[in-house]
Amino acid sequence: MRKFSALLKGVTIASAFVAMSFSTYAQQPVKRVLLEQFTGAWCGWCTDGSVILQNILEKNPENVIAAVHHNGDGMVVTELDNAL
């Protein structure tokens, strides 16, 4: 009976360790990339950059965060433009 009790304690401790390992692993942070595009409606090359940015987002929807900053056109955010 003692051997069974000791074995049961060992299995319980091992089960608790495995459960803690899985819960710790489940809380690992997800690494993401911030991709910034500085653009303007006046820029002839920026349309190509927007297409490339869209393709990257379609291929990596969970890992990429995109931000587009406009300068010198009607889509500019004045507060941000003055901060840069």
C-alpha atoms as a PDB file:
ATOM      1  CA  MET A   1       0.000   0.000   0.000  1.00  0.00           C
ATOM      2  CA  ARG A   2       2.885   2.377   0.765  1.00  0.00           C
ATOM      3  CA  LYS A   3       4.442   1.807  -2.641  1.00  0.00           C
ATOM      4  CA  PHE A   4       1.143   2.617  -4.341  1.00  0.00           C
ATOM      5  CA  SER A   5       0.754   5.793  -2.271  1.00  0.00           C
ATOM      6  CA  ALA A   6       4.292   6.943  -3.120  1.00  0.00           C
ATOM      7  CA  LEU A   7       3.691   6.155  -6.798  1.00  0.00           C
ATOM      8  CA  LEU A   8       0.436   8.109  -6.733  1.00  0.00           C
ATOM      9  CA  LYS A   9       2.201  11.134  -5.203  1.00  0.00           C
ATOM     10  CA  GLY A  10       4.907  10.939  -7.861  1.00  0.00           C
ATOM     11  CA  VAL A  11       2.350  10.816 -10.671  1.00  0.00           C
ATOM     12  CA  THR A  12       0.445  13.743  -9.150  1.00  0.00           C
ATOM     13  CA  ILE A  13       3.601  15.859  -8.914  1.00  0.00           C
ATOM     14  CA  ALA A  14       4.589  14.965 -12.491  1.00  0.00           C
ATOM     15  CA  SER A  15       1.089  15.828 -13.741  1.00  0.00           C
ATOM     16  CA  ALA A  16       1.200  19.192 -11.996  1.00  0.00           C
ATOM     17  CA  PHE A  17       4.607  19.939 -13.543  1.00  0.00           C
ATOM     18  CA  VAL A  18       3.367  19.071 -17.047  1.00  0.00           C
ATOM     19  CA  ALA A  19       0.250  21.228 -16.557  1.00  0.00           C
ATOM     20  CA  MET A  20       2.392  24.182 -15.427  1.00  0.00           C
ATOM     21  CA  SER A  21       4.681  23.726 -18.434  1.00  0.00           C
ATOM     22  CA  PHE A  22       1.773  23.883 -20.874  1.00  0.00           C
ATOM     23  CA  SER A  23       0.203  26.908 -19.222  1.00  0.00           C
ATOM     24  CA  THR A  24       3.553  28.754 -19.225  1.00  0.00           C
ATOM     25  CA  TYR A  25       4.113  27.917 -22.886  1.00  0.00           C
ATOM     26  CA  ALA A  26       0.613  29.131 -23.809  1.00  0.00           C
ATOM     27  CA  GLN A  27       1.434  32.579 -22.407  1.00  0.00           C
ATOM     28  CA  GLN A  28       4.502  33.231 -24.560  1.00  0.00           C
ATOM     29  CA  PRO A  29       4.323  36.608 -26.340  1.00  0.00           C
ATOM     30  CA  VAL A  30       3.762  36.731 -30.077  1.00  0.00           C
ATOM     31  CA  LYS A  31       6.461  38.598 -31.983  1.00  0.00           C
ATOM     32  CA  ARG A  32       5.172  41.087 -34.538  1.00  0.00           C
ATOM     33  CA  VAL A  33       6.802  43.496 -36.974  1.00  0.00           C
ATOM     34  CA  LEU A  34       5.782  47.151 -37.259  1.00  0.00           C
ATOM     35  CA  LEU A  35       6.039  48.206 -40.901  1.00  0.00           C
ATOM     36  CA  GLU A  36       5.812  51.959 -41.529  1.00  0.00           C
ATOM     37  CA  GLN A  37       5.339  53.580 -44.920  1.00  0.00           C
ATOM     38  CA  PHE A  38       5.969  57.313 -45.348  1.00  0.00           C
ATOM     39  CA  THR A  39       3.979  58.463 -48.369  1.00  0.00           C
ATOM     40  CA  GLY A  40       2.095  61.262 -50.083  1.00  0.00           C
ATOM     41  CA  ALA A  41      -0.441  61.510 -52.901  1.00  0.00           C
ATOM     42  CA  TRP A  42       2.148  63.533 -54.823  1.00  0.00           C
ATOM     43  CA  CYS A  43       4.661  60.640 -54.779  1.00  0.00           C
ATOM     44  CA  GLY A  44       4.796  58.601 -57.978  1.00  0.00           C
ATOM     45  CA  TRP A  45       6.702  55.742 -56.376  1.00  0.00           C
ATOM     46  CA  CYS A  46       4.449  55.376 -53.338  1.00  0.00           C
ATOM     47  CA  THR A  47       1.694  53.483 -55.153  1.00  0.00           C
ATOM     48  CA  ASP A  48       4.145  50.613 -55.667  1.00  0.00           C
ATOM     49  CA  GLY A  49       4.970  50.738 -51.955  1.00  0.00           C
ATOM     50  CA  SER A  50       1.278  50.472 -51.088  1.00  0.00           C
ATOM     51  CA  VAL A  51       0.892  47.372 -53.276  1.00  0.00           C
ATOM     52  CA  ILE A  52       3.957  45.780 -51.659  1.00  0.00           C
ATOM     53  CA  LEU A  53       2.639  46.644 -48.191  1.00  0.00           C
ATOM     54  CA  GLN A  54      -0.727  45.060 -49.015  1.00  0.00           C
ATOM     55  CA  ASN A  55       0.981  41.872 -50.276  1.00  0.00           C
ATOM     56  CA  ILE A  56       3.031  41.617 -47.072  1.00  0.00           C
ATOM     57  CA  LEU A  57      -0.118  42.048 -44.959  1.00  0.00           C
ATOM     58  CA  GLU A  58      -1.982  39.372 -46.933  1.00  0.00           C
ATOM     59  CA  LYS A  59       0.861  36.869 -46.473  1.00  0.00           C
ATOM     60  CA  ASN A  60       1.422  37.676 -42.769  1.00  0.00           C
ATOM     61  CA  PRO A  61      -1.885  38.846 -41.270  1.00  0.00           C
ATOM     62  CA  GLU A  62      -1.006  37.824 -37.699  1.00  0.00           C
ATOM     63  CA  ASN A  63       2.627  38.978 -37.598  1.00  0.00           C
ATOM     64  CA  VAL A  64       2.699  42.400 -39.271  1.00  0.00           C
ATOM     65  CA  ILE A  65       1.282  45.710 -38.058  1.00  0.00           C
ATOM     66  CA  ALA A  66       1.193  48.388 -40.764  1.00  0.00           C
ATOM     67  CA  ALA A  67       1.200  52.164 -40.325  1.00  0.00           C
ATOM     68  CA  VAL A  68       1.044  54.624 -43.222  1.00  0.00           C
ATOM     69  CA  HIS A  69       2.157  58.228 -42.655  1.00  0.00           C
ATOM     70  CA  HIS A  70       1.100  60.848 -45.210  1.00  0.00           C
ATOM     71  CA  ASN A  71       2.979  64.099 -45.775  1.00  0.00           C
ATOM     72  CA  GLY A  72       2.067  67.082 -47.914  1.00  0.00           C
ATOM     73  CA  ASP A  73      -1.366  65.934 -49.092  1.00  0.00           C
ATOM     74  CA  GLY A  74      -5.010  65.904 -47.975  1.00  0.00           C
ATOM     75  CA  MET A  75      -4.587  62.738 -45.879  1.00  0.00           C
ATOM     76  CA  VAL A  76      -1.938  64.158 -43.561  1.00  0.00           C
ATOM     77  CA  VAL A  77      -2.514  64.063 -39.802  1.00  0.00           C
ATOM     78  CA  THR A  78      -1.282  67.504 -38.754  1.00  0.00           C
ATOM     79  CA  GLU A  79      -0.411  66.528 -35.181  1.00  0.00           C
ATOM     80  CA  LEU A  80       1.745  63.651 -36.396  1.00  0.00           C
ATOM     81  CA  ASP A  81       3.300  65.676 -39.204  1.00  0.00           C
ATOM     82  CA  ASN A  82       4.383  68.370 -36.736  1.00  0.00           C
ATOM     83  CA  ALA A  83       5.798  65.759 -34.333  1.00  0.00           C
ATOM     84  CA  LEU A  84       8.102  64.277 -36.956  1.00  0.00           C
END
